[in-house]
Amino acid sequence: MGFPTANMHLDDGCPLAFGVYAVRVILPDGDRYDGVANFGIRPMYRIVKPLLEAHLFDFDGDLYGQLLTVEIVAWLRGEESFSGLDALIKQIQNDAALAREILARKVMENAVVDLTR
């Protein structure tokens, strides 16, 4: 679908609600990537065990077997089913755009600017 993901099973007691999130992912080497993630059962495919699927923006590499830290930054929407693959891809594109906007805003909110220099 054009959105490669790092797929992770979470502990059964995880209180995370099914849905889509803006996230920051920290790799074992300390590199950080913004992204968008879905947590749930993927209603179109109805998987049995909930899965966290994180798409890292501007990342090109292999994450298999690596331990990732995922920081949930913002809730975007609940998990839902779509009429078909085209509708799902369009929604993922919209979710990714919204996540990028929110994450960029969060960086600006956390920036400290010294105007006295």
PDB file of N, CA and C in Angstrom:
ATOM      1  N   MET A   1       0.816  -1.203   0.000  1.00  0.00           N
ATOM      2  CA  MET A   1       0.000   0.000   0.000  1.00  0.00           C
ATOM      3  C   MET A   1       0.858   1.264   0.000  1.00  0.00           C
ATOM      4  N   GLY A   2       2.175   1.097   0.080  1.00  0.00           N
ATOM      5  CA  GLY A   2       3.050   2.262   0.049  1.00  0.00           C
ATOM      6  C   GLY A   2       3.363   2.849   1.407  1.00  0.00           C
ATOM      7  N   PHE A   3       2.973   2.174   2.461  1.00  0.00           N
ATOM      8  CA  PHE A   3       3.226   2.638   3.819  1.00  0.00           C
ATOM      9  C   PHE A   3       3.852   1.506   4.623  1.00  0.00           C
ATOM     10  N   PRO A   4       5.166   1.289   4.488  1.00  0.00           N
ATOM     11  CA  PRO A   4       5.787   0.208   5.269  1.00  0.00           C
ATOM     12  C   PRO A   4       5.672   0.503   6.760  1.00  0.00           C
ATOM     13  N   THR A   5       5.461  -0.557   7.543  1.00  0.00           N
ATOM     14  CA  THR A   5       5.267  -0.378   8.981  1.00  0.00           C
ATOM     15  C   THR A   5       6.146  -1.309   9.792  1.00  0.00           C
ATOM     16  N   ALA A   6       6.461  -0.856  10.987  1.00  0.00           N
ATOM     17  CA  ALA A   6       7.065  -1.701  12.008  1.00  0.00           C
ATOM     18  C   ALA A   6       5.891  -2.234  12.814  1.00  0.00           C
ATOM     19  N   ASN A   7       5.723  -3.542  12.847  1.00  0.00           N
ATOM     20  CA  ASN A   7       4.572  -4.161  13.504  1.00  0.00           C
ATOM     21  C   ASN A   7       4.983  -4.746  14.839  1.00  0.00           C
ATOM     22  N   MET A   8       4.228  -4.386  15.883  1.00  0.00           N
ATOM     23  CA  MET A   8       4.569  -4.798  17.242  1.00  0.00           C
ATOM     24  C   MET A   8       3.336  -5.280  17.987  1.00  0.00           C
ATOM     25  N   HIS A   9       3.484  -6.390  18.684  1.00  0.00           N
ATOM     26  CA  HIS A   9       2.431  -6.845  19.595  1.00  0.00           C
ATOM     27  C   HIS A   9       2.716  -6.232  20.963  1.00  0.00           C
ATOM     28  N   LEU A  10       1.687  -5.701  21.600  1.00  0.00           N
ATOM     29  CA  LEU A  10       1.831  -5.086  22.916  1.00  0.00           C
ATOM     30  C   LEU A  10       1.314  -6.047  23.971  1.00  0.00           C
ATOM     31  N   ASP A  11       1.677  -5.809  25.217  1.00  0.00           N
ATOM     32  CA  ASP A  11       1.183  -6.640  26.319  1.00  0.00           C
ATOM     33  C   ASP A  11      -0.344  -6.632  26.338  1.00  0.00           C
ATOM     34  N   ASP A  12      -0.926  -7.749  26.759  1.00  0.00           N
ATOM     35  CA  ASP A  12      -2.378  -7.872  26.802  1.00  0.00           C
ATOM     36  C   ASP A  12      -3.037  -6.798  27.663  1.00  0.00           C
ATOM     37  N   GLY A  13      -2.363  -6.318  28.686  1.00  0.00           N
ATOM     38  CA  GLY A  13      -2.926  -5.314  29.579  1.00  0.00           C
ATOM     39  C   GLY A  13      -2.747  -3.884  29.099  1.00  0.00           C
ATOM     40  N   CYS A  14      -2.266  -3.696  27.882  1.00  0.00           N
ATOM     41  CA  CYS A  14      -2.020  -2.347  27.358  1.00  0.00           C
ATOM     42  C   CYS A  14      -3.325  -1.561  27.303  1.00  0.00           C
ATOM     43  N   PRO A  15      -3.363  -0.385  27.934  1.00  0.00           N
ATOM     44  CA  PRO A  15      -4.601   0.391  27.973  1.00  0.00           C
ATOM     45  C   PRO A  15      -4.823   1.263  26.728  1.00  0.00           C
ATOM     46  N   LEU A  16      -3.996   1.133  25.712  1.00  0.00           N
ATOM     47  CA  LEU A  16      -4.105   1.961  24.511  1.00  0.00           C
ATOM     48  C   LEU A  16      -5.408   1.639  23.769  1.00  0.00           C
ATOM     49  N   ALA A  17      -6.160   2.673  23.436  1.00  0.00           N
ATOM     50  CA  ALA A  17      -7.416   2.489  22.708  1.00  0.00           C
ATOM     51  C   ALA A  17      -7.130   2.180  21.243  1.00  0.00           C
ATOM     52  N   PHE A  18      -7.997   1.399  20.626  1.00  0.00           N
ATOM     53  CA  PHE A  18      -7.861   1.121  19.201  1.00  0.00           C
ATOM     54  C   PHE A  18      -8.027   2.430  18.445  1.00  0.00           C
ATOM     55  N   GLY A  19      -7.072   2.714  17.575  1.00  0.00           N
ATOM     56  CA  GLY A  19      -7.161   3.935  16.789  1.00  0.00           C
ATOM     57  C   GLY A  19      -5.851   4.310  16.162  1.00  0.00           C
ATOM     58  N   VAL A  20      -5.824   5.535  15.652  1.00  0.00           N
ATOM     59  CA  VAL A  20      -4.679   6.062  14.910  1.00  0.00           C
ATOM     60  C   VAL A  20      -4.064   7.204  15.710  1.00  0.00           C
ATOM     61  N   TYR A  21      -2.731   7.223  15.736  1.00  0.00           N
ATOM     62  CA  TYR A  21      -1.983   8.159  16.579  1.00  0.00           C
ATOM     63  C   TYR A  21      -0.838   8.813  15.802  1.00  0.00           C
ATOM     64  N   ALA A  22      -0.508  10.037  16.174  1.00  0.00           N
ATOM     65  CA  ALA A  22       0.752  10.650  15.770  1.00  0.00           C
ATOM     66  C   ALA A  22       1.785  10.163  16.776  1.00  0.00           C
ATOM     67  N   VAL A  23       2.932   9.675  16.301  1.00  0.00           N
ATOM     68  CA  VAL A  23       3.919   9.062  17.186  1.00  0.00           C
ATOM     69  C   VAL A  23       5.328   9.560  16.874  1.00  0.00           C
ATOM     70  N   ARG A  24       6.185   9.359  17.859  1.00  0.00           N
ATOM     71  CA  ARG A  24       7.635   9.509  17.664  1.00  0.00           C
ATOM     72  C   ARG A  24       8.240   8.164  18.028  1.00  0.00           C
ATOM     73  N   VAL A  25       9.111   7.669  17.167  1.00  0.00           N
ATOM     74  CA  VAL A  25       9.719   6.356  17.358  1.00  0.00           C
ATOM     75  C   VAL A  25      11.212   6.530  17.556  1.00  0.00           C
ATOM     76  N   ILE A  26      11.725   5.895  18.612  1.00  0.00           N
ATOM     77  CA  ILE A  26      13.157   5.959  18.916  1.00  0.00           C
ATOM     78  C   ILE A  26      13.765   4.596  18.608  1.00  0.00           C
ATOM     79  N   LEU A  27      14.771   4.606  17.755  1.00  0.00           N
ATOM     80  CA  LEU A  27      15.471   3.383  17.383  1.00  0.00           C
ATOM     81  C   LEU A  27      16.534   3.060  18.425  1.00  0.00           C
ATOM     82  N   PRO A  28      17.045   1.833  18.432  1.00  0.00           N
ATOM     83  CA  PRO A  28      18.077   1.457  19.419  1.00  0.00           C
ATOM     84  C   PRO A  28      19.321   2.345  19.391  1.00  0.00           C
ATOM     85  N   ASP A  29      19.646   2.917  18.232  1.00  0.00           N
ATOM     86  CA  ASP A  29      20.829   3.780  18.148  1.00  0.00           C
ATOM     87  C   ASP A  29      20.545   5.216  18.593  1.00  0.00           C
ATOM     88  N   GLY A  30      19.300   5.481  19.023  1.00  0.00           N
ATOM     89  CA  GLY A  30      18.935   6.806  19.506  1.00  0.00           C
ATOM     90  C   GLY A  30      18.307   7.704  18.454  1.00  0.00           C
ATOM     91  N   ASP A  31      18.358   7.299  17.189  1.00  0.00           N
ATOM     92  CA  ASP A  31      17.713   8.105  16.144  1.00  0.00           C
ATOM     93  C   ASP A  31      16.213   8.147  16.387  1.00  0.00           C
ATOM     94  N   ARG A  32      15.617   9.308  16.092  1.00  0.00           N
ATOM     95  CA  ARG A  32      14.180   9.505  16.298  1.00  0.00           C
ATOM     96  C   ARG A  32      13.506   9.793  14.964  1.00  0.00           C
ATOM     97  N   TYR A  33      12.325   9.249  14.806  1.00  0.00           N
ATOM     98  CA  TYR A  33      11.533   9.480  13.606  1.00  0.00           C
ATOM     99  C   TYR A  33      10.101   9.773  14.001  1.00  0.00           C
ATOM    100  N   ASP A  34       9.516  10.764  13.343  1.00  0.00           N
ATOM    101  CA  ASP A  34       8.097  11.015  13.487  1.00  0.00           C
ATOM    102  C   ASP A  34       7.356   9.980  12.655  1.00  0.00           C
ATOM    103  N   GLY A  35       6.096   9.747  13.024  1.00  0.00           N
ATOM    104  CA  GLY A  35       5.326   8.790  12.251  1.00  0.00           C
ATOM    105  C   GLY A  35       3.862   8.803  12.601  1.00  0.00           C
ATOM    106  N   VAL A  36       3.162   7.869  12.010  1.00  0.00           N
ATOM    107  CA  VAL A  36       1.752   7.658  12.272  1.00  0.00           C
ATOM    108  C   VAL A  36       1.588   6.174  12.573  1.00  0.00           C
ATOM    109  N   ALA A  37       0.725   5.848  13.531  1.00  0.00           N
ATOM    110  CA  ALA A  37       0.570   4.452  13.923  1.00  0.00           C
ATOM    111  C   ALA A  37      -0.898   4.108  14.108  1.00  0.00           C
ATOM    112  N   ASN A  38      -1.204   2.869  13.833  1.00  0.00           N
ATOM    113  CA  ASN A  38      -2.526   2.327  14.100  1.00  0.00           C
ATOM    114  C   ASN A  38      -2.381   1.229  15.139  1.00  0.00           C
ATOM    115  N   PHE A  39      -3.267   1.244  16.131  1.00  0.00           N
ATOM    116  CA  PHE A  39      -3.310   0.149  17.091  1.00  0.00           C
ATOM    117  C   PHE A  39      -4.697  -0.455  17.044  1.00  0.00           C
ATOM    118  N   GLY A  40      -4.755  -1.753  16.813  1.00  0.00           N
ATOM    119  CA  GLY A  40      -6.048  -2.412  16.793  1.00  0.00           C
ATOM    120  C   GLY A  40      -6.025  -3.728  16.057  1.00  0.00           C
ATOM    121  N   ILE A  41      -7.205  -4.075  15.552  1.00  0.00           N
ATOM    122  CA  ILE A  41      -7.390  -5.385  14.925  1.00  0.00           C
ATOM    123  C   ILE A  41      -7.520  -5.294  13.407  1.00  0.00           C
ATOM    124  N   ARG A  42      -7.300  -4.108  12.847  1.00  0.00           N
ATOM    125  CA  ARG A  42      -7.407  -3.907  11.401  1.00  0.00           C
ATOM    126  C   ARG A  42      -8.738  -4.472  10.899  1.00  0.00           C
ATOM    127  N   PRO A  43      -9.837  -3.757  11.104  1.00  0.00           N
ATOM    128  CA  PRO A  43     -11.178  -4.279  10.819  1.00  0.00           C
ATOM    129  C   PRO A  43     -11.365  -4.879   9.423  1.00  0.00           C
ATOM    130  N   MET A  44     -10.665  -4.353   8.418  1.00  0.00           N
ATOM    131  CA  MET A  44     -10.811  -4.911   7.074  1.00  0.00           C
ATOM    132  C   MET A  44     -10.213  -6.311   6.989  1.00  0.00           C
ATOM    133  N   TYR A  45      -9.260  -6.610   7.869  1.00  0.00           N
ATOM    134  CA  TYR A  45      -8.563  -7.895   7.826  1.00  0.00           C
ATOM    135  C   TYR A  45      -8.884  -8.770   9.037  1.00  0.00           C
ATOM    136  N   ARG A  46      -9.431  -8.145  10.090  1.00  0.00           N
ATOM    137  CA  ARG A  46      -9.877  -8.840  11.302  1.00  0.00           C
ATOM    138  C   ARG A  46      -8.814  -9.770  11.891  1.00  0.00           C
ATOM    139  N   ILE A  47      -7.675  -9.199  12.224  1.00  0.00           N
ATOM    140  CA  ILE A  47      -6.657  -9.995  12.903  1.00  0.00           C
ATOM    141  C   ILE A  47      -7.133 -10.275  14.323  1.00  0.00           C
ATOM    142  N   VAL A  48      -6.652 -11.344  14.913  1.00  0.00           N
ATOM    143  CA  VAL A  48      -7.136 -11.760  16.228  1.00  0.00           C
ATOM    144  C   VAL A  48      -6.497 -10.966  17.351  1.00  0.00           C
ATOM    145  N   LYS A  49      -5.175 -10.850  17.340  1.00  0.00           N
ATOM    146  CA  LYS A  49      -4.466 -10.149  18.408  1.00  0.00           C
ATOM    147  C   LYS A  49      -4.161  -8.720  17.952  1.00  0.00           C
ATOM    148  N   PRO A  50      -4.546  -7.719  18.754  1.00  0.00           N
ATOM    149  CA  PRO A  50      -4.270  -6.334  18.369  1.00  0.00           C
ATOM    150  C   PRO A  50      -2.791  -6.120  18.054  1.00  0.00           C
ATOM    151  N   LEU A  51      -2.555  -5.238  17.109  1.00  0.00           N
ATOM    152  CA  LEU A  51      -1.214  -4.984  16.601  1.00  0.00           C
ATOM    153  C   LEU A  51      -0.990  -3.479  16.532  1.00  0.00           C
ATOM    154  N   LEU A  52       0.200  -3.042  16.905  1.00  0.00           N
ATOM    155  CA  LEU A  52       0.601  -1.646  16.711  1.00  0.00           C
ATOM    156  C   LEU A  52       1.443  -1.614  15.446  1.00  0.00           C
ATOM    157  N   GLU A  53       0.976  -0.858  14.459  1.00  0.00           N
ATOM    158  CA  GLU A  53       1.688  -0.714  13.194  1.00  0.00           C
ATOM    159  C   GLU A  53       2.139   0.739  13.080  1.00  0.00           C
ATOM    160  N   ALA A  54       3.444   0.958  13.097  1.00  0.00           N
ATOM    161  CA  ALA A  54       3.973   2.319  13.038  1.00  0.00           C
ATOM    162  C   ALA A  54       4.669   2.553  11.697  1.00  0.00           C
ATOM    163  N   HIS A  55       4.229   3.584  10.997  1.00  0.00           N
ATOM    164  CA  HIS A  55       4.877   4.012   9.759  1.00  0.00           C
ATOM    165  C   HIS A  55       5.771   5.196  10.112  1.00  0.00           C
ATOM    166  N   LEU A  56       7.065   5.059   9.886  1.00  0.00           N
ATOM    167  CA  LEU A  56       8.035   6.104  10.204  1.00  0.00           C
ATOM    168  C   LEU A  56       8.244   6.986   8.980  1.00  0.00           C
ATOM    169  N   PHE A  57       8.034   8.279   9.154  1.00  0.00           N
ATOM    170  CA  PHE A  57       8.228   9.219   8.053  1.00  0.00           C
ATOM    171  C   PHE A  57       9.707   9.313   7.702  1.00  0.00           C
ATOM    172  N   ASP A  58       9.993   9.364   6.429  1.00  0.00           N
ATOM    173  CA  ASP A  58      11.354   9.599   5.929  1.00  0.00           C
ATOM    174  C   ASP A  58      12.362   8.569   6.426  1.00  0.00           C
ATOM    175  N   PHE A  59      11.916   7.336   6.633  1.00  0.00           N
ATOM    176  CA  PHE A  59      12.809   6.261   7.056  1.00  0.00           C
ATOM    177  C   PHE A  59      12.904   5.231   5.955  1.00  0.00           C
ATOM    178  N   ASP A  60      14.133   4.804   5.708  1.00  0.00           N
ATOM    179  CA  ASP A  60      14.368   3.751   4.725  1.00  0.00           C
ATOM    180  C   ASP A  60      15.392   2.803   5.333  1.00  0.00           C
ATOM    181  N   GLY A  61      14.935   1.700   5.849  1.00  0.00           N
ATOM    182  CA  GLY A  61      15.846   0.762   6.479  1.00  0.00           C
ATOM    183  C   GLY A  61      15.102  -0.471   6.942  1.00  0.00           C
ATOM    184  N   ASP A  62      15.821  -1.327   7.625  1.00  0.00           N
ATOM    185  CA  ASP A  62      15.286  -2.594   8.108  1.00  0.00           C
ATOM    186  C   ASP A  62      15.151  -2.528   9.628  1.00  0.00           C
ATOM    187  N   LEU A  63      13.953  -2.739  10.123  1.00  0.00           N
ATOM    188  CA  LEU A  63      13.709  -2.677  11.566  1.00  0.00           C
ATOM    189  C   LEU A  63      13.422  -4.048  12.172  1.00  0.00           C
ATOM    190  N   TYR A  64      13.475  -5.101  11.366  1.00  0.00           N
ATOM    191  CA  TYR A  64      13.160  -6.435  11.883  1.00  0.00           C
ATOM    192  C   TYR A  64      14.056  -6.803  13.053  1.00  0.00           C
ATOM    193  N   GLY A  65      13.424  -7.252  14.145  1.00  0.00           N
ATOM    194  CA  GLY A  65      14.149  -7.712  15.316  1.00  0.00           C
ATOM    195  C   GLY A  65      14.679  -6.612  16.214  1.00  0.00           C
ATOM    196  N   GLN A  66      14.454  -5.352  15.878  1.00  0.00           N
ATOM    197  CA  GLN A  66      14.951  -4.254  16.705  1.00  0.00           C
ATOM    198  C   GLN A  66      13.916  -3.873  17.762  1.00  0.00           C
ATOM    199  N   LEU A  67      14.413  -3.438  18.903  1.00  0.00           N
ATOM    200  CA  LEU A  67      13.549  -2.966  19.976  1.00  0.00           C
ATOM    201  C   LEU A  67      13.318  -1.468  19.778  1.00  0.00           C
ATOM    202  N   LEU A  68      12.075  -1.098  19.549  1.00  0.00           N
ATOM    203  CA  LEU A  68      11.721   0.297  19.296  1.00  0.00           C
ATOM    204  C   LEU A  68      10.956   0.872  20.476  1.00  0.00           C
ATOM    205  N   THR A  69      11.147   2.153  20.721  1.00  0.00           N
ATOM    206  CA  THR A  69      10.347   2.869  21.705  1.00  0.00           C
ATOM    207  C   THR A  69       9.387   3.758  20.934  1.00  0.00           C
ATOM    208  N   VAL A  70       8.108   3.635  21.230  1.00  0.00           N
ATOM    209  CA  VAL A  70       7.094   4.425  20.538  1.00  0.00           C
ATOM    210  C   VAL A  70       6.461   5.380  21.536  1.00  0.00           C
ATOM    211  N   GLU A  71       6.601   6.662  21.267  1.00  0.00           N
ATOM    212  CA  GLU A  71       5.988   7.698  22.096  1.00  0.00           C
ATOM    213  C   GLU A  71       4.687   8.136  21.428  1.00  0.00           C
ATOM    214  N   ILE A  72       3.596   8.000  22.137  1.00  0.00           N
ATOM    215  CA  ILE A  72       2.302   8.444  21.623  1.00  0.00           C
ATOM    216  C   ILE A  72       2.222   9.951  21.857  1.00  0.00           C
ATOM    217  N   VAL A  73       2.059  10.711  20.780  1.00  0.00           N
ATOM    218  CA  VAL A  73       2.017  12.170  20.890  1.00  0.00           C
ATOM    219  C   VAL A  73       0.586  12.692  20.847  1.00  0.00           C
ATOM    220  N   ALA A  74      -0.231  12.125  19.957  1.00  0.00           N
ATOM    221  CA  ALA A  74      -1.608  12.624  19.834  1.00  0.00           C
ATOM    222  C   ALA A  74      -2.514  11.549  19.248  1.00  0.00           C
ATOM    223  N   TRP A  75      -3.760  11.563  19.708  1.00  0.00           N
ATOM    224  CA  TRP A  75      -4.823  10.706  19.170  1.00  0.00           C
ATOM    225  C   TRP A  75      -5.367  11.382  17.915  1.00  0.00           C
ATOM    226  N   LEU A  76      -5.489  10.649  16.819  1.00  0.00           N
ATOM    227  CA  LEU A  76      -6.038  11.224  15.598  1.00  0.00           C
ATOM    228  C   LEU A  76      -7.495  10.819  15.367  1.00  0.00           C
ATOM    229  N   ARG A  77      -7.782   9.520  15.546  1.00  0.00           N
ATOM    230  CA  ARG A  77      -9.154   9.044  15.326  1.00  0.00           C
ATOM    231  C   ARG A  77      -9.257   7.596  15.781  1.00  0.00           C
ATOM    232  N   GLY A  78     -10.465   7.113  15.899  1.00  0.00           N
ATOM    233  CA  GLY A  78     -10.689   5.717  16.227  1.00  0.00           C
ATOM    234  C   GLY A  78     -10.463   4.819  15.024  1.00  0.00           C
ATOM    235  N   GLU A  79     -10.247   3.548  15.311  1.00  0.00           N
ATOM    236  CA  GLU A  79     -10.068   2.581  14.233  1.00  0.00           C
ATOM    237  C   GLU A  79     -11.414   2.346  13.555  1.00  0.00           C
ATOM    238  N   GLU A  80     -11.392   2.223  12.237  1.00  0.00           N
ATOM    239  CA  GLU A  80     -12.635   2.013  11.505  1.00  0.00           C
ATOM    240  C   GLU A  80     -12.411   1.114  10.302  1.00  0.00           C
ATOM    241  N   SER A  81     -13.494   0.623   9.739  1.00  0.00           N
ATOM    242  CA  SER A  81     -13.449  -0.217   8.549  1.00  0.00           C
ATOM    243  C   SER A  81     -13.738   0.651   7.325  1.00  0.00           C
ATOM    244  N   PHE A  82     -13.194   0.252   6.179  1.00  0.00           N
ATOM    245  CA  PHE A  82     -13.372   1.032   4.954  1.00  0.00           C
ATOM    246  C   PHE A  82     -13.993   0.168   3.873  1.00  0.00           C
ATOM    247  N   SER A  83     -14.587   0.824   2.873  1.00  0.00           N
ATOM    248  CA  SER A  83     -15.298   0.123   1.803  1.00  0.00           C
ATOM    249  C   SER A  83     -14.363  -0.649   0.882  1.00  0.00           C
ATOM    250  N   GLY A  84     -13.099  -0.272   0.885  1.00  0.00           N
ATOM    251  CA  GLY A  84     -12.141  -0.952   0.016  1.00  0.00           C
ATOM    252  C   GLY A  84     -10.748  -0.405   0.223  1.00  0.00           C
ATOM    253  N   LEU A  85      -9.807  -0.970  -0.511  1.00  0.00           N
ATOM    254  CA  LEU A  85      -8.402  -0.605  -0.366  1.00  0.00           C
ATOM    255  C   LEU A  85      -8.139   0.852  -0.736  1.00  0.00           C
ATOM    256  N   ASP A  86      -8.779   1.347  -1.783  1.00  0.00           N
ATOM    257  CA  ASP A  86      -8.568   2.740  -2.193  1.00  0.00           C
ATOM    258  C   ASP A  86      -8.992   3.714  -1.096  1.00  0.00           C
ATOM    259  N   ALA A  87     -10.120   3.440  -0.467  1.00  0.00           N
ATOM    260  CA  ALA A  87     -10.597   4.301   0.627  1.00  0.00           C
ATOM    261  C   ALA A  87      -9.639   4.239   1.810  1.00  0.00           C
ATOM    262  N   LEU A  88      -9.115   3.047   2.099  1.00  0.00           N
ATOM    263  CA  LEU A  88      -8.156   2.892   3.202  1.00  0.00           C
ATOM    264  C   LEU A  88      -6.879   3.674   2.919  1.00  0.00           C
ATOM    265  N   ILE A  89      -6.346   3.553   1.707  1.00  0.00           N
ATOM    266  CA  ILE A  89      -5.111   4.261   1.346  1.00  0.00           C
ATOM    267  C   ILE A  89      -5.312   5.765   1.442  1.00  0.00           C
ATOM    268  N   LYS A  90      -6.443   6.268   0.972  1.00  0.00           N
ATOM    269  CA  LYS A  90      -6.733   7.708   1.050  1.00  0.00           C
ATOM    270  C   LYS A  90      -6.771   8.162   2.506  1.00  0.00           C
ATOM    271  N   GLN A  91      -7.373   7.366   3.385  1.00  0.00           N
ATOM    272  CA  GLN A  91      -7.444   7.739   4.799  1.00  0.00           C
ATOM    273  C   GLN A  91      -6.058   7.702   5.435  1.00  0.00           C
ATOM    274  N   ILE A  92      -5.242   6.720   5.079  1.00  0.00           N
ATOM    275  CA  ILE A  92      -3.872   6.667   5.613  1.00  0.00           C
ATOM    276  C   ILE A  92      -3.099   7.904   5.180  1.00  0.00           C
ATOM    277  N   GLN A  93      -3.265   8.326   3.932  1.00  0.00           N
ATOM    278  CA  GLN A  93      -2.604   9.549   3.466  1.00  0.00           C
ATOM    279  C   GLN A  93      -3.056  10.753   4.279  1.00  0.00           C
ATOM    280  N   ASN A  94      -4.350  10.846   4.540  1.00  0.00           N
ATOM    281  CA  ASN A  94      -4.874  11.950   5.351  1.00  0.00           C
ATOM    282  C   ASN A  94      -4.340  11.885   6.779  1.00  0.00           C
ATOM    283  N   ASP A  95      -4.314  10.683   7.358  1.00  0.00           N
ATOM    284  CA  ASP A  95      -3.800  10.509   8.721  1.00  0.00           C
ATOM    285  C   ASP A  95      -2.330  10.915   8.795  1.00  0.00           C
ATOM    286  N   ALA A  96      -1.549  10.510   7.796  1.00  0.00           N
ATOM    287  CA  ALA A  96      -0.120  10.839   7.786  1.00  0.00           C
ATOM    288  C   ALA A  96       0.087  12.352   7.698  1.00  0.00           C
ATOM    289  N   ALA A  97      -0.695  13.011   6.854  1.00  0.00           N
ATOM    290  CA  ALA A  97      -0.580  14.471   6.726  1.00  0.00           C
ATOM    291  C   ALA A  97      -0.934  15.161   8.037  1.00  0.00           C
ATOM    292  N   LEU A  98      -1.995  14.711   8.685  1.00  0.00           N
ATOM    293  CA  LEU A  98      -2.392  15.300   9.969  1.00  0.00           C
ATOM    294  C   LEU A  98      -1.329  15.033  11.034  1.00  0.00           C
ATOM    295  N   ALA A  99      -0.792  13.825  11.064  1.00  0.00           N
ATOM    296  CA  ALA A  99       0.258  13.507  12.047  1.00  0.00           C
ATOM    297  C   ALA A  99       1.474  14.393  11.837  1.00  0.00           C
ATOM    298  N   ARG A 100       1.896  14.586  10.590  1.00  0.00           N
ATOM    299  CA  ARG A 100       3.049  15.467  10.309  1.00  0.00           C
ATOM    300  C   ARG A 100       2.790  16.878  10.821  1.00  0.00           C
ATOM    301  N   GLU A 101       1.578  17.370  10.596  1.00  0.00           N
ATOM    302  CA  GLU A 101       1.220  18.722  11.043  1.00  0.00           C
ATOM    303  C   GLU A 101       1.263  18.827  12.567  1.00  0.00           C
ATOM    304  N   ILE A 102       0.677  17.873  13.239  1.00  0.00           N
ATOM    305  CA  ILE A 102       0.653  17.883  14.703  1.00  0.00           C
ATOM    306  C   ILE A 102       2.058  17.763  15.273  1.00  0.00           C
ATOM    307  N   LEU A 103       2.857  16.864  14.726  1.00  0.00           N
ATOM    308  CA  LEU A 103       4.217  16.662  15.235  1.00  0.00           C
ATOM    309  C   LEU A 103       5.088  17.884  14.988  1.00  0.00           C
ATOM    310  N   ALA A 104       4.913  18.557  13.862  1.00  0.00           N
ATOM    311  CA  ALA A 104       5.662  19.783  13.587  1.00  0.00           C
ATOM    312  C   ALA A 104       5.270  20.869  14.579  1.00  0.00           C
ATOM    313  N   ARG A 105       3.977  20.952  14.895  1.00  0.00           N
ATOM    314  CA  ARG A 105       3.492  21.939  15.864  1.00  0.00           C
ATOM    315  C   ARG A 105       4.057  21.648  17.252  1.00  0.00           C
ATOM    316  N   LYS A 106       4.142  20.367  17.618  1.00  0.00           N
ATOM    317  CA  LYS A 106       4.680  19.988  18.930  1.00  0.00           C
ATOM    318  C   LYS A 106       6.142  20.390  19.048  1.00  0.00           C
ATOM    319  N   VAL A 107       6.894  20.258  17.965  1.00  0.00           N
ATOM    320  CA  VAL A 107       8.302  20.680  17.983  1.00  0.00           C
ATOM    321  C   VAL A 107       8.378  22.175  18.234  1.00  0.00           C
ATOM    322  N   MET A 108       7.526  22.941  17.569  1.00  0.00           N
ATOM    323  CA  MET A 108       7.527  24.398  17.752  1.00  0.00           C
ATOM    324  C   MET A 108       7.114  24.777  19.169  1.00  0.00           C
ATOM    325  N   GLU A 109       6.155  24.065  19.748  1.00  0.00           N
ATOM    326  CA  GLU A 109       5.714  24.359  21.114  1.00  0.00           C
ATOM    327  C   GLU A 109       6.822  24.101  22.125  1.00  0.00           C
ATOM    328  N   ASN A 110       7.665  23.101  21.828  1.00  0.00           N
ATOM    329  CA  ASN A 110       8.733  22.728  22.755  1.00  0.00           C
ATOM    330  C   ASN A 110      10.032  23.482  22.507  1.00  0.00           C
ATOM    331  N   ALA A 111      10.085  24.255  21.444  1.00  0.00           N
ATOM    332  CA  ALA A 111      11.309  24.986  21.117  1.00  0.00           C
ATOM    333  C   ALA A 111      11.500  26.139  22.100  1.00  0.00           C
ATOM    334  N   VAL A 112      12.722  26.355  22.488  1.00  0.00           N
ATOM    335  CA  VAL A 112      13.072  27.464  23.362  1.00  0.00           C
ATOM    336  C   VAL A 112      13.907  28.436  22.528  1.00  0.00           C
ATOM    337  N   VAL A 113      13.448  29.654  22.457  1.00  0.00           N
ATOM    338  CA  VAL A 113      14.133  30.648  21.652  1.00  0.00           C
ATOM    339  C   VAL A 113      14.647  31.751  22.571  1.00  0.00           C
ATOM    340  N   ASP A 114      15.938  32.041  22.471  1.00  0.00           N
ATOM    341  CA  ASP A 114      16.524  33.123  23.249  1.00  0.00           C
ATOM    342  C   ASP A 114      16.574  34.361  22.370  1.00  0.00           C
ATOM    343  N   LEU A 115      15.665  35.287  22.597  1.00  0.00           N
ATOM    344  CA  LEU A 115      15.585  36.494  21.803  1.00  0.00           C
ATOM    345  C   LEU A 115      16.500  37.601  22.297  1.00  0.00           C
ATOM    346  N   THR A 116      17.253  37.360  23.347  1.00  0.00           N
ATOM    347  CA  THR A 116      18.126  38.396  23.893  1.00  0.00           C
ATOM    348  C   THR A 116      19.468  38.435  23.177  1.00  0.00           C
ATOM    349  N   ARG A 117      19.753  37.498  22.325  1.00  0.00           N
ATOM    350  CA  ARG A 117      21.054  37.473  21.630  1.00  0.00           C
ATOM    351  C   ARG A 117      21.035  38.302  20.389  1.00  0.00           C
TER     352      ARG A 117
END
